[in-house]
Amino acid sequence: MARSHAAVIFLSALAAALAAATPAGAAVSCKRVSGGLALKVVVDAKFDAASVRLDGNMIEVLDGPVELPCSGGPPANVTDIDRIKVRDVSGKQTTLIVEDPGSFGPGATTQAGTPARLP
């Protein structure tokens, strides 16, 4: 009986370790593209939720509650990104939340006759 109990504890510990080793946010990815002036966010899991929000001037991308690093350059902020492109490749319903979209600006590039801003 003690041997069986020890095996259950070992398997439970192994399952917990494997779950912890699985990267959180694997269904949403973020990368700088277009010479670093844009963020490309890809959602590739069914019924997933991605969020884009600001922390001060820094742009954060989240997969559910987990903040994701964006590859391809330094962390993005509102003065060095012109565009955020979001693509759902899951084939199913996903959710995109943009917290306070009016505060994303000024953007990296001045637009003809207006100050720079994210479209």
PDB file of N, CA and C in Angstrom:
ATOM      1  N   MET A   1       0.820  -1.186   0.000  1.00  0.00           N
ATOM      2  CA  MET A   1       0.000   0.000   0.000  1.00  0.00           C
ATOM      3  C   MET A   1       0.871   1.261   0.000  1.00  0.00           C
ATOM      4  N   ALA A   2       1.957   1.267   0.799  1.00  0.00           N
ATOM      5  CA  ALA A   2       2.837   2.428   0.862  1.00  0.00           C
ATOM      6  C   ALA A   2       3.504   2.674  -0.478  1.00  0.00           C
ATOM      7  N   ARG A   3       3.841   1.604  -1.179  1.00  0.00           N
ATOM      8  CA  ARG A   3       4.474   1.734  -2.488  1.00  0.00           C
ATOM      9  C   ARG A   3       3.516   2.379  -3.484  1.00  0.00           C
ATOM     10  N   SER A   4       2.260   1.973  -3.479  1.00  0.00           N
ATOM     11  CA  SER A   4       1.241   2.542  -4.361  1.00  0.00           C
ATOM     12  C   SER A   4       1.026   4.019  -4.058  1.00  0.00           C
ATOM     13  N   HIS A   5       0.994   4.345  -2.773  1.00  0.00           N
ATOM     14  CA  HIS A   5       0.811   5.745  -2.362  1.00  0.00           C
ATOM     15  C   HIS A   5       1.996   6.597  -2.834  1.00  0.00           C
ATOM     16  N   ALA A   6       3.207   6.075  -2.711  1.00  0.00           N
ATOM     17  CA  ALA A   6       4.408   6.798  -3.158  1.00  0.00           C
ATOM     18  C   ALA A   6       4.373   7.010  -4.664  1.00  0.00           C
ATOM     19  N   ALA A   7       3.883   6.040  -5.429  1.00  0.00           N
ATOM     20  CA  ALA A   7       3.790   6.177  -6.882  1.00  0.00           C
ATOM     21  C   ALA A   7       2.802   7.267  -7.259  1.00  0.00           C
ATOM     22  N   VAL A   8       1.684   7.348  -6.544  1.00  0.00           N
ATOM     23  CA  VAL A   8       0.686   8.390  -6.818  1.00  0.00           C
ATOM     24  C   VAL A   8       1.274   9.766  -6.537  1.00  0.00           C
ATOM     25  N   ILE A   9       2.001   9.885  -5.420  1.00  0.00           N
ATOM     26  CA  ILE A   9       2.629  11.171  -5.086  1.00  0.00           C
ATOM     27  C   ILE A   9       3.653  11.543  -6.149  1.00  0.00           C
ATOM     28  N   PHE A  10       4.483  10.584  -6.588  1.00  0.00           N
ATOM     29  CA  PHE A  10       5.477  10.851  -7.617  1.00  0.00           C
ATOM     30  C   PHE A  10       4.819  11.301  -8.914  1.00  0.00           C
ATOM     31  N   LEU A  11       3.777  10.594  -9.354  1.00  0.00           N
ATOM     32  CA  LEU A  11       3.095  10.963 -10.598  1.00  0.00           C
ATOM     33  C   LEU A  11       2.426  12.319 -10.480  1.00  0.00           C
ATOM     34  N   SER A  12       1.876  12.640  -9.321  1.00  0.00           N
ATOM     35  CA  SER A  12       1.266  13.951  -9.113  1.00  0.00           C
ATOM     36  C   SER A  12       2.331  15.041  -9.196  1.00  0.00           C
ATOM     37  N   ALA A  13       3.484  14.789  -8.557  1.00  0.00           N
ATOM     38  CA  ALA A  13       4.579  15.762  -8.605  1.00  0.00           C
ATOM     39  C   ALA A  13       5.101  15.918 -10.027  1.00  0.00           C
ATOM     40  N   LEU A  14       5.210  14.809 -10.766  1.00  0.00           N
ATOM     41  CA  LEU A  14       5.674  14.860 -12.152  1.00  0.00           C
ATOM     42  C   LEU A  14       4.694  15.646 -13.020  1.00  0.00           C
ATOM     43  N   ALA A  15       3.414  15.409 -12.848  1.00  0.00           N
ATOM     44  CA  ALA A  15       2.406  16.142 -13.615  1.00  0.00           C
ATOM     45  C   ALA A  15       2.467  17.632 -13.305  1.00  0.00           C
ATOM     46  N   ALA A  16       2.647  17.988 -12.042  1.00  0.00           N
ATOM     47  CA  ALA A  16       2.746  19.396 -11.663  1.00  0.00           C
ATOM     48  C   ALA A  16       3.992  20.030 -12.274  1.00  0.00           C
ATOM     49  N   ALA A  17       5.106  19.303 -12.281  1.00  0.00           N
ATOM     50  CA  ALA A  17       6.342  19.829 -12.872  1.00  0.00           C
ATOM     51  C   ALA A  17       6.189  20.028 -14.369  1.00  0.00           C
ATOM     52  N   LEU A  18       5.565  19.078 -15.041  1.00  0.00           N
ATOM     53  CA  LEU A  18       5.352  19.227 -16.487  1.00  0.00           C
ATOM     54  C   LEU A  18       4.419  20.385 -16.788  1.00  0.00           C
ATOM     55  N   ALA A  19       3.390  20.568 -15.986  1.00  0.00           N
ATOM     56  CA  ALA A  19       2.469  21.686 -16.194  1.00  0.00           C
ATOM     57  C   ALA A  19       3.191  23.012 -16.005  1.00  0.00           C
ATOM     58  N   ALA A  20       4.067  23.070 -15.006  1.00  0.00           N
ATOM     59  CA  ALA A  20       4.824  24.303 -14.771  1.00  0.00           C
ATOM     60  C   ALA A  20       5.812  24.562 -15.891  1.00  0.00           C
ATOM     61  N   ALA A  21       6.322  23.515 -16.533  1.00  0.00           N
ATOM     62  CA  ALA A  21       7.296  23.678 -17.610  1.00  0.00           C
ATOM     63  C   ALA A  21       6.645  24.088 -18.921  1.00  0.00           C
ATOM     64  N   THR A  22       5.335  23.887 -19.046  1.00  0.00           N
ATOM     65  CA  THR A  22       4.632  24.274 -20.267  1.00  0.00           C
ATOM     66  C   THR A  22       4.525  25.786 -20.296  1.00  0.00           C
ATOM     67  N   PRO A  23       4.984  26.461 -21.336  1.00  0.00           N
ATOM     68  CA  PRO A  23       4.957  27.915 -21.343  1.00  0.00           C
ATOM     69  C   PRO A  23       3.533  28.443 -21.350  1.00  0.00           C
ATOM     70  N   ALA A  24       3.276  29.375 -20.422  1.00  0.00           N
ATOM     71  CA  ALA A  24       1.976  30.031 -20.399  1.00  0.00           C
ATOM     72  C   ALA A  24       1.887  30.957 -21.600  1.00  0.00           C
ATOM     73  N   GLY A  25       0.727  31.150 -22.126  1.00  0.00           N
ATOM     74  CA  GLY A  25       0.558  32.069 -23.233  1.00  0.00           C
ATOM     75  C   GLY A  25       0.975  31.502 -24.567  1.00  0.00           C
ATOM     76  N   ALA A  26       1.032  30.190 -24.700  1.00  0.00           N
ATOM     77  CA  ALA A  26       1.467  29.588 -25.954  1.00  0.00           C
ATOM     78  C   ALA A  26       0.486  29.835 -27.083  1.00  0.00           C
ATOM     79  N   ALA A  27      -0.760  30.198 -26.775  1.00  0.00           N
ATOM     80  CA  ALA A  27      -1.774  30.390 -27.804  1.00  0.00           C
ATOM     81  C   ALA A  27      -1.738  31.793 -28.404  1.00  0.00           C
ATOM     82  N   VAL A  28      -1.097  32.730 -27.748  1.00  0.00           N
ATOM     83  CA  VAL A  28      -0.983  34.105 -28.245  1.00  0.00           C
ATOM     84  C   VAL A  28       0.501  34.412 -28.354  1.00  0.00           C
ATOM     85  N   SER A  29       0.903  35.006 -29.472  1.00  0.00           N
ATOM     86  CA  SER A  29       2.304  35.391 -29.626  1.00  0.00           C
ATOM     87  C   SER A  29       2.378  36.857 -30.038  1.00  0.00           C
ATOM     88  N   CYS A  30       3.521  37.453 -29.779  1.00  0.00           N
ATOM     89  CA  CYS A  30       3.721  38.870 -30.082  1.00  0.00           C
ATOM     90  C   CYS A  30       5.136  39.049 -30.629  1.00  0.00           C
ATOM     91  N   LYS A  31       5.237  39.823 -31.706  1.00  0.00           N
ATOM     92  CA  LYS A  31       6.534  40.045 -32.337  1.00  0.00           C
ATOM     93  C   LYS A  31       6.563  41.442 -32.950  1.00  0.00           C
ATOM     94  N   ARG A  32       7.720  42.100 -32.867  1.00  0.00           N
ATOM     95  CA  ARG A  32       7.908  43.370 -33.581  1.00  0.00           C
ATOM     96  C   ARG A  32       8.151  43.051 -35.049  1.00  0.00           C
ATOM     97  N   VAL A  33       7.472  43.770 -35.944  1.00  0.00           N
ATOM     98  CA  VAL A  33       7.627  43.591 -37.391  1.00  0.00           C
ATOM     99  C   VAL A  33       7.713  44.963 -38.051  1.00  0.00           C
ATOM    100  N   SER A  34       7.798  44.980 -39.368  1.00  0.00           N
ATOM    101  CA  SER A  34       7.855  46.232 -40.140  1.00  0.00           C
ATOM    102  C   SER A  34       8.986  47.138 -39.667  1.00  0.00           C
ATOM    103  N   GLY A  35      10.170  46.548 -39.562  1.00  0.00           N
ATOM    104  CA  GLY A  35      11.321  47.335 -39.120  1.00  0.00           C
ATOM    105  C   GLY A  35      11.228  47.754 -37.661  1.00  0.00           C
ATOM    106  N   GLY A  36      10.433  47.054 -36.876  1.00  0.00           N
ATOM    107  CA  GLY A  36      10.281  47.370 -35.457  1.00  0.00           C
ATOM    108  C   GLY A  36       9.209  48.384 -35.160  1.00  0.00           C
ATOM    109  N   LEU A  37       8.527  48.907 -36.199  1.00  0.00           N
ATOM    110  CA  LEU A  37       7.521  49.950 -35.991  1.00  0.00           C
ATOM    111  C   LEU A  37       6.117  49.408 -35.746  1.00  0.00           C
ATOM    112  N   ALA A  38       5.945  48.086 -35.788  1.00  0.00           N
ATOM    113  CA  ALA A  38       4.621  47.503 -35.573  1.00  0.00           C
ATOM    114  C   ALA A  38       4.738  46.275 -34.678  1.00  0.00           C
ATOM    115  N   LEU A  39       3.650  45.976 -33.980  1.00  0.00           N
ATOM    116  CA  LEU A  39       3.547  44.737 -33.227  1.00  0.00           C
ATOM    117  C   LEU A  39       2.593  43.819 -33.970  1.00  0.00           C
ATOM    118  N   LYS A  40       2.968  42.565 -34.115  1.00  0.00           N
ATOM    119  CA  LYS A  40       2.096  41.563 -34.719  1.00  0.00           C
ATOM    120  C   LYS A  40       1.695  40.599 -33.604  1.00  0.00           C
ATOM    121  N   VAL A  41       0.390  40.549 -33.326  1.00  0.00           N
ATOM    122  CA  VAL A  41      -0.148  39.666 -32.300  1.00  0.00           C
ATOM    123  C   VAL A  41      -0.932  38.574 -33.018  1.00  0.00           C
ATOM    124  N   VAL A  42      -0.577  37.321 -32.778  1.00  0.00           N
ATOM    125  CA  VAL A  42      -1.253  36.187 -33.412  1.00  0.00           C
ATOM    126  C   VAL A  42      -1.926  35.353 -32.331  1.00  0.00           C
ATOM    127  N   VAL A  43      -3.215  35.063 -32.553  1.00  0.00           N
ATOM    128  CA  VAL A  43      -3.990  34.214 -31.650  1.00  0.00           C
ATOM    129  C   VAL A  43      -4.246  32.912 -32.400  1.00  0.00           C
ATOM    130  N   ASP A  44      -3.766  31.783 -31.834  1.00  0.00           N
ATOM    131  CA  ASP A  44      -3.893  30.542 -32.587  1.00  0.00           C
ATOM    132  C   ASP A  44      -4.591  29.406 -31.834  1.00  0.00           C
ATOM    133  N   ALA A  45      -5.304  29.728 -30.760  1.00  0.00           N
ATOM    134  CA  ALA A  45      -6.054  28.696 -30.039  1.00  0.00           C
ATOM    135  C   ALA A  45      -7.535  29.044 -30.030  1.00  0.00           C
ATOM    136  N   LYS A  46      -8.369  28.025 -30.149  1.00  0.00           N
ATOM    137  CA  LYS A  46      -9.812  28.227 -30.157  1.00  0.00           C
ATOM    138  C   LYS A  46     -10.263  28.875 -28.857  1.00  0.00           C
ATOM    139  N   PHE A  47     -11.144  29.849 -28.979  1.00  0.00           N
ATOM    140  CA  PHE A  47     -11.793  30.512 -27.848  1.00  0.00           C
ATOM    141  C   PHE A  47     -10.804  31.175 -26.895  1.00  0.00           C
ATOM    142  N   ASP A  48      -9.646  31.607 -27.394  1.00  0.00           N
ATOM    143  CA  ASP A  48      -8.653  32.257 -26.549  1.00  0.00           C
ATOM    144  C   ASP A  48      -8.980  33.737 -26.406  1.00  0.00           C
ATOM    145  N   ALA A  49      -8.356  34.380 -25.430  1.00  0.00           N
ATOM    146  CA  ALA A  49      -8.536  35.811 -25.207  1.00  0.00           C
ATOM    147  C   ALA A  49      -7.172  36.483 -25.143  1.00  0.00           C
ATOM    148  N   ALA A  50      -6.986  37.510 -25.963  1.00  0.00           N
ATOM    149  CA  ALA A  50      -5.764  38.312 -25.946  1.00  0.00           C
ATOM    150  C   ALA A  50      -6.144  39.724 -25.537  1.00  0.00           C
ATOM    151  N   SER A  51      -5.231  40.397 -24.847  1.00  0.00           N
ATOM    152  CA  SER A  51      -5.458  41.784 -24.436  1.00  0.00           C
ATOM    153  C   SER A  51      -4.260  42.627 -24.806  1.00  0.00           C
ATOM    154  N   VAL A  52      -4.531  43.876 -25.129  1.00  0.00           N
ATOM    155  CA  VAL A  52      -3.485  44.865 -25.359  1.00  0.00           C
ATOM    156  C   VAL A  52      -3.819  46.036 -24.440  1.00  0.00           C
ATOM    157  N   ARG A  53      -2.837  46.442 -23.636  1.00  0.00           N
ATOM    158  CA  ARG A  53      -3.074  47.518 -22.679  1.00  0.00           C
ATOM    159  C   ARG A  53      -1.788  48.303 -22.468  1.00  0.00           C
ATOM    160  N   LEU A  54      -1.924  49.413 -21.783  1.00  0.00           N
ATOM    161  CA  LEU A  54      -0.769  50.241 -21.461  1.00  0.00           C
ATOM    162  C   LEU A  54      -0.450  50.146 -19.979  1.00  0.00           C
ATOM    163  N   ASP A  55       0.842  50.181 -19.681  1.00  0.00           N
ATOM    164  CA  ASP A  55       1.329  50.360 -18.327  1.00  0.00           C
ATOM    165  C   ASP A  55       2.228  51.578 -18.402  1.00  0.00           C
ATOM    166  N   GLY A  56       1.664  52.738 -18.109  1.00  0.00           N
ATOM    167  CA  GLY A  56       2.365  53.988 -18.380  1.00  0.00           C
ATOM    168  C   GLY A  56       2.414  54.168 -19.886  1.00  0.00           C
ATOM    169  N   ASN A  57       3.612  54.284 -20.459  1.00  0.00           N
ATOM    170  CA  ASN A  57       3.771  54.375 -21.915  1.00  0.00           C
ATOM    171  C   ASN A  57       4.115  53.036 -22.559  1.00  0.00           C
ATOM    172  N   MET A  58       4.292  52.003 -21.750  1.00  0.00           N
ATOM    173  CA  MET A  58       4.683  50.688 -22.262  1.00  0.00           C
ATOM    174  C   MET A  58       3.457  49.912 -22.734  1.00  0.00           C
ATOM    175  N   ILE A  59       3.565  49.280 -23.916  1.00  0.00           N
ATOM    176  CA  ILE A  59       2.480  48.479 -24.478  1.00  0.00           C
ATOM    177  C   ILE A  59       2.665  47.046 -24.000  1.00  0.00           C
ATOM    178  N   GLU A  60       1.606  46.497 -23.389  1.00  0.00           N
ATOM    179  CA  GLU A  60       1.640  45.128 -22.899  1.00  0.00           C
ATOM    180  C   GLU A  60       0.669  44.276 -23.694  1.00  0.00           C
ATOM    181  N   VAL A  61       1.069  43.050 -24.017  1.00  0.00           N
ATOM    182  CA  VAL A  61       0.214  42.070 -24.690  1.00  0.00           C
ATOM    183  C   VAL A  61       0.045  40.915 -23.717  1.00  0.00           C
ATOM    184  N   LEU A  62      -1.203  40.465 -23.540  1.00  0.00           N
ATOM    185  CA  LEU A  62      -1.490  39.394 -22.595  1.00  0.00           C
ATOM    186  C   LEU A  62      -2.235  38.252 -23.265  1.00  0.00           C
ATOM    187  N   ASP A  63      -1.950  37.050 -22.814  1.00  0.00           N
ATOM    188  CA  ASP A  63      -2.710  35.855 -23.175  1.00  0.00           C
ATOM    189  C   ASP A  63      -3.483  35.497 -21.917  1.00  0.00           C
ATOM    190  N   GLY A  64      -4.772  35.823 -21.890  1.00  0.00           N
ATOM    191  CA  GLY A  64      -5.534  35.696 -20.646  1.00  0.00           C
ATOM    192  C   GLY A  64      -4.910  36.643 -19.640  1.00  0.00           C
ATOM    193  N   PRO A  65      -4.532  36.145 -18.453  1.00  0.00           N
ATOM    194  CA  PRO A  65      -3.929  37.024 -17.443  1.00  0.00           C
ATOM    195  C   PRO A  65      -2.402  37.115 -17.523  1.00  0.00           C
ATOM    196  N   VAL A  66      -1.780  36.404 -18.470  1.00  0.00           N
ATOM    197  CA  VAL A  66      -0.320  36.292 -18.522  1.00  0.00           C
ATOM    198  C   VAL A  66       0.263  37.295 -19.517  1.00  0.00           C
ATOM    199  N   GLU A  67       1.140  38.183 -19.025  1.00  0.00           N
ATOM    200  CA  GLU A  67       1.810  39.136 -19.908  1.00  0.00           C
ATOM    201  C   GLU A  67       2.861  38.404 -20.740  1.00  0.00           C
ATOM    202  N   LEU A  68       2.910  38.735 -22.037  1.00  0.00           N
ATOM    203  CA  LEU A  68       3.835  38.086 -22.956  1.00  0.00           C
ATOM    204  C   LEU A  68       4.962  39.032 -23.346  1.00  0.00           C
ATOM    205  N   PRO A  69       6.176  38.517 -23.468  1.00  0.00           N
ATOM    206  CA  PRO A  69       7.230  39.332 -24.059  1.00  0.00           C
ATOM    207  C   PRO A  69       7.035  39.344 -25.583  1.00  0.00           C
ATOM    208  N   CYS A  70       7.317  40.464 -26.196  1.00  0.00           N
ATOM    209  CA  CYS A  70       7.249  40.552 -27.663  1.00  0.00           C
ATOM    210  C   CYS A  70       8.663  40.393 -28.195  1.00  0.00           C
ATOM    211  N   SER A  71       8.856  39.434 -29.088  1.00  0.00           N
ATOM    212  CA  SER A  71      10.178  39.185 -29.652  1.00  0.00           C
ATOM    213  C   SER A  71      10.487  40.201 -30.744  1.00  0.00           C
ATOM    214  N   GLY A  72      11.714  40.229 -31.180  1.00  0.00           N
ATOM    215  CA  GLY A  72      12.099  41.045 -32.323  1.00  0.00           C
ATOM    216  C   GLY A  72      12.533  42.453 -31.995  1.00  0.00           C
ATOM    217  N   GLY A  73      12.749  42.763 -30.729  1.00  0.00           N
ATOM    218  CA  GLY A  73      13.197  44.106 -30.373  1.00  0.00           C
ATOM    219  C   GLY A  73      12.939  44.405 -28.916  1.00  0.00           C
ATOM    220  N   PRO A  74      13.223  45.646 -28.528  1.00  0.00           N
ATOM    221  CA  PRO A  74      13.009  46.029 -27.129  1.00  0.00           C
ATOM    222  C   PRO A  74      11.514  46.101 -26.816  1.00  0.00           C
ATOM    223  N   PRO A  75      11.154  46.170 -25.530  1.00  0.00           N
ATOM    224  CA  PRO A  75       9.741  46.328 -25.178  1.00  0.00           C
ATOM    225  C   PRO A  75       9.136  47.542 -25.892  1.00  0.00           C
ATOM    226  N   ALA A  76       7.904  47.387 -26.363  1.00  0.00           N
ATOM    227  CA  ALA A  76       7.243  48.435 -27.153  1.00  0.00           C
ATOM    228  C   ALA A  76       6.637  49.503 -26.253  1.00  0.00           C
ATOM    229  N   ASN A  77       6.670  50.730 -26.744  1.00  0.00           N
ATOM    230  CA  ASN A  77       5.974  51.817 -26.044  1.00  0.00           C
ATOM    231  C   ASN A  77       5.242  52.678 -27.067  1.00  0.00           C
ATOM    232  N   VAL A  78       4.459  53.635 -26.589  1.00  0.00           N
ATOM    233  CA  VAL A  78       3.579  54.408 -27.480  1.00  0.00           C
ATOM    234  C   VAL A  78       4.322  55.395 -28.361  1.00  0.00           C
ATOM    235  N   THR A  79       5.629  55.572 -28.156  1.00  0.00           N
ATOM    236  CA  THR A  79       6.373  56.494 -29.010  1.00  0.00           C
ATOM    237  C   THR A  79       7.245  55.782 -30.042  1.00  0.00           C
ATOM    238  N   ASP A  80       7.280  54.437 -30.015  1.00  0.00           N
ATOM    239  CA  ASP A  80       8.114  53.756 -31.011  1.00  0.00           C
ATOM    240  C   ASP A  80       7.360  52.683 -31.804  1.00  0.00           C
ATOM    241  N   ILE A  81       6.048  52.662 -31.711  1.00  0.00           N
ATOM    242  CA  ILE A  81       5.204  51.726 -32.457  1.00  0.00           C
ATOM    243  C   ILE A  81       4.150  52.535 -33.216  1.00  0.00           C
ATOM    244  N   ASP A  82       3.974  52.243 -34.498  1.00  0.00           N
ATOM    245  CA  ASP A  82       2.949  52.915 -35.302  1.00  0.00           C
ATOM    246  C   ASP A  82       1.666  52.104 -35.443  1.00  0.00           C
ATOM    247  N   ARG A  83       1.769  50.790 -35.304  1.00  0.00           N
ATOM    248  CA  ARG A  83       0.614  49.951 -35.610  1.00  0.00           C
ATOM    249  C   ARG A  83       0.669  48.672 -34.775  1.00  0.00           C
ATOM    250  N   ILE A  84      -0.504  48.189 -34.398  1.00  0.00           N
ATOM    251  CA  ILE A  84      -0.629  46.889 -33.756  1.00  0.00           C
ATOM    252  C   ILE A  84      -1.529  46.051 -34.646  1.00  0.00           C
ATOM    253  N   LYS A  85      -0.959  44.971 -35.201  1.00  0.00           N
ATOM    254  CA  LYS A  85      -1.705  44.087 -36.100  1.00  0.00           C
ATOM    255  C   LYS A  85      -2.095  42.840 -35.316  1.00  0.00           C
ATOM    256  N   VAL A  86      -3.381  42.474 -35.352  1.00  0.00           N
ATOM    257  CA  VAL A  86      -3.846  41.284 -34.645  1.00  0.00           C
ATOM    258  C   VAL A  86      -4.431  40.323 -35.664  1.00  0.00           C
ATOM    259  N   ARG A  87      -4.015  39.062 -35.579  1.00  0.00           N
ATOM    260  CA  ARG A  87      -4.502  38.046 -36.524  1.00  0.00           C
ATOM    261  C   ARG A  87      -4.967  36.815 -35.757  1.00  0.00           C
ATOM    262  N   ASP A  88      -6.184  36.379 -36.039  1.00  0.00           N
ATOM    263  CA  ASP A  88      -6.730  35.166 -35.443  1.00  0.00           C
ATOM    264  C   ASP A  88      -6.597  34.051 -36.469  1.00  0.00           C
ATOM    265  N   VAL A  89      -5.752  33.067 -36.176  1.00  0.00           N
ATOM    266  CA  VAL A  89      -5.567  31.938 -37.080  1.00  0.00           C
ATOM    267  C   VAL A  89      -6.159  30.655 -36.500  1.00  0.00           C
ATOM    268  N   SER A  90      -6.955  30.783 -35.444  1.00  0.00           N
ATOM    269  CA  SER A  90      -7.503  29.604 -34.766  1.00  0.00           C
ATOM    270  C   SER A  90      -8.685  28.995 -35.508  1.00  0.00           C
ATOM    271  N   GLY A  91      -9.369  29.784 -36.300  1.00  0.00           N
ATOM    272  CA  GLY A  91     -10.549  29.286 -36.989  1.00  0.00           C
ATOM    273  C   GLY A  91     -11.783  29.264 -36.114  1.00  0.00           C
ATOM    274  N   LYS A  92     -11.658  29.691 -34.885  1.00  0.00           N
ATOM    275  CA  LYS A  92     -12.786  29.730 -33.953  1.00  0.00           C
ATOM    276  C   LYS A  92     -12.854  31.097 -33.299  1.00  0.00           C
ATOM    277  N   GLN A  93     -13.888  31.297 -32.524  1.00  0.00           N
ATOM    278  CA  GLN A  93     -14.080  32.574 -31.855  1.00  0.00           C
ATOM    279  C   GLN A  93     -12.954  32.843 -30.859  1.00  0.00           C
ATOM    280  N   THR A  94     -12.405  34.029 -30.946  1.00  0.00           N
ATOM    281  CA  THR A  94     -11.449  34.484 -29.957  1.00  0.00           C
ATOM    282  C   THR A  94     -11.890  35.874 -29.516  1.00  0.00           C
ATOM    283  N   THR A  95     -11.288  36.342 -28.452  1.00  0.00           N
ATOM    284  CA  THR A  95     -11.633  37.651 -27.907  1.00  0.00           C
ATOM    285  C   THR A  95     -10.386  38.517 -27.896  1.00  0.00           C
ATOM    286  N   LEU A  96     -10.521  39.761 -28.338  1.00  0.00           N
ATOM    287  CA  LEU A  96      -9.452  40.743 -28.239  1.00  0.00           C
ATOM    288  C   LEU A  96      -9.969  41.889 -27.388  1.00  0.00           C
ATOM    289  N   ILE A  97      -9.241  42.212 -26.347  1.00  0.00           N
ATOM    290  CA  ILE A  97      -9.594  43.317 -25.474  1.00  0.00           C
ATOM    291  C   ILE A  97      -8.512  44.377 -25.615  1.00  0.00           C
ATOM    292  N   VAL A  98      -8.917  45.591 -25.956  1.00  0.00           N
ATOM    293  CA  VAL A  98      -7.992  46.723 -25.999  1.00  0.00           C
ATOM    294  C   VAL A  98      -8.439  47.677 -24.911  1.00  0.00           C
ATOM    295  N   GLU A  99      -7.647  47.747 -23.862  1.00  0.00           N
ATOM    296  CA  GLU A  99      -7.998  48.594 -22.738  1.00  0.00           C
ATOM    297  C   GLU A  99      -7.653  50.043 -23.054  1.00  0.00           C
ATOM    298  N   ASP A 100      -8.637  50.924 -22.949  1.00  0.00           N
ATOM    299  CA  ASP A 100      -8.484  52.365 -23.154  1.00  0.00           C
ATOM    300  C   ASP A 100      -7.785  52.691 -24.476  1.00  0.00           C
ATOM    301  N   PRO A 101      -8.403  52.328 -25.607  1.00  0.00           N
ATOM    302  CA  PRO A 101      -7.747  52.492 -26.913  1.00  0.00           C
ATOM    303  C   PRO A 101      -7.390  53.933 -27.254  1.00  0.00           C
ATOM    304  N   GLY A 102      -8.099  54.906 -26.712  1.00  0.00           N
ATOM    305  CA  GLY A 102      -7.803  56.306 -27.007  1.00  0.00           C
ATOM    306  C   GLY A 102      -6.481  56.787 -26.442  1.00  0.00           C
ATOM    307  N   SER A 103      -5.898  56.037 -25.516  1.00  0.00           N
ATOM    308  CA  SER A 103      -4.645  56.475 -24.905  1.00  0.00           C
ATOM    309  C   SER A 103      -3.409  55.959 -25.632  1.00  0.00           C
ATOM    310  N   PHE A 104      -3.587  55.172 -26.707  1.00  0.00           N
ATOM    311  CA  PHE A 104      -2.452  54.659 -27.464  1.00  0.00           C
ATOM    312  C   PHE A 104      -1.965  55.744 -28.416  1.00  0.00           C
ATOM    313  N   GLY A 105      -0.913  56.387 -28.085  1.00  0.00           N
ATOM    314  CA  GLY A 105      -0.354  57.424 -28.924  1.00  0.00           C
ATOM    315  C   GLY A 105       0.806  58.054 -28.196  1.00  0.00           C
ATOM    316  N   PRO A 106       1.642  58.775 -28.845  1.00  0.00           N
ATOM    317  CA  PRO A 106       1.445  59.415 -30.134  1.00  0.00           C
ATOM    318  C   PRO A 106       1.840  58.562 -31.341  1.00  0.00           C
ATOM    319  N   GLY A 107       2.541  57.442 -31.152  1.00  0.00           N
ATOM    320  CA  GLY A 107       3.043  56.675 -32.287  1.00  0.00           C
ATOM    321  C   GLY A 107       4.457  57.099 -32.618  1.00  0.00           C
ATOM    322  N   ALA A 108       5.068  56.394 -33.550  1.00  0.00           N
ATOM    323  CA  ALA A 108       6.467  56.662 -33.886  1.00  0.00           C
ATOM    324  C   ALA A 108       6.643  57.636 -35.043  1.00  0.00           C
ATOM    325  N   THR A 109       5.673  57.700 -35.945  1.00  0.00           N
ATOM    326  CA  THR A 109       5.835  58.468 -37.175  1.00  0.00           C
ATOM    327  C   THR A 109       4.792  59.579 -37.256  1.00  0.00           C
ATOM    328  N   THR A 110       5.248  60.781 -37.578  1.00  0.00           N
ATOM    329  CA  THR A 110       4.320  61.884 -37.789  1.00  0.00           C
ATOM    330  C   THR A 110       3.536  61.640 -39.065  1.00  0.00           C
ATOM    331  N   GLN A 111       2.220  61.828 -38.994  1.00  0.00           N
ATOM    332  CA  GLN A 111       1.360  61.640 -40.156  1.00  0.00           C
ATOM    333  C   GLN A 111       1.092  63.011 -40.776  1.00  0.00           C
ATOM    334  N   ALA A 112       0.919  63.046 -42.070  1.00  0.00           N
ATOM    335  CA  ALA A 112       0.793  64.309 -42.810  1.00  0.00           C
ATOM    336  C   ALA A 112      -0.159  65.281 -42.112  1.00  0.00           C
ATOM    337  N   GLY A 113       0.384  66.375 -41.633  1.00  0.00           N
ATOM    338  CA  GLY A 113      -0.413  67.450 -41.063  1.00  0.00           C
ATOM    339  C   GLY A 113      -0.925  67.200 -39.650  1.00  0.00           C
ATOM    340  N   THR A 114      -0.606  66.055 -39.049  1.00  0.00           N
ATOM    341  CA  THR A 114      -1.076  65.774 -37.702  1.00  0.00           C
ATOM    342  C   THR A 114       0.065  65.181 -36.885  1.00  0.00           C
ATOM    343  N   PRO A 115      -0.023  65.292 -35.580  1.00  0.00           N
ATOM    344  CA  PRO A 115       0.990  64.640 -34.761  1.00  0.00           C
ATOM    345  C   PRO A 115       0.910  63.124 -34.926  1.00  0.00           C
ATOM    346  N   ALA A 116       2.013  62.449 -34.642  1.00  0.00           N
ATOM    347  CA  ALA A 116       2.032  60.994 -34.740  1.00  0.00           C
ATOM    348  C   ALA A 116       1.046  60.401 -33.750  1.00  0.00           C
ATOM    349  N   ARG A 117       0.393  59.297 -34.144  1.00  0.00           N
ATOM    350  CA  ARG A 117      -0.513  58.563 -33.256  1.00  0.00           C
ATOM    351  C   ARG A 117      -0.701  57.165 -33.810  1.00  0.00           C
ATOM    352  N   LEU A 118      -1.132  56.262 -32.966  1.00  0.00           N
ATOM    353  CA  LEU A 118      -1.448  54.910 -33.435  1.00  0.00           C
ATOM    354  C   LEU A 118      -2.834  54.936 -34.048  1.00  0.00           C
ATOM    355  N   PRO A 119      -3.027  54.379 -35.246  1.00  0.00           N
ATOM    356  CA  PRO A 119      -4.356  54.391 -35.856  1.00  0.00           C
ATOM    357  C   PRO A 119      -5.306  53.454 -35.157  1.00  0.00           C
TER     358      PRO A 119
END
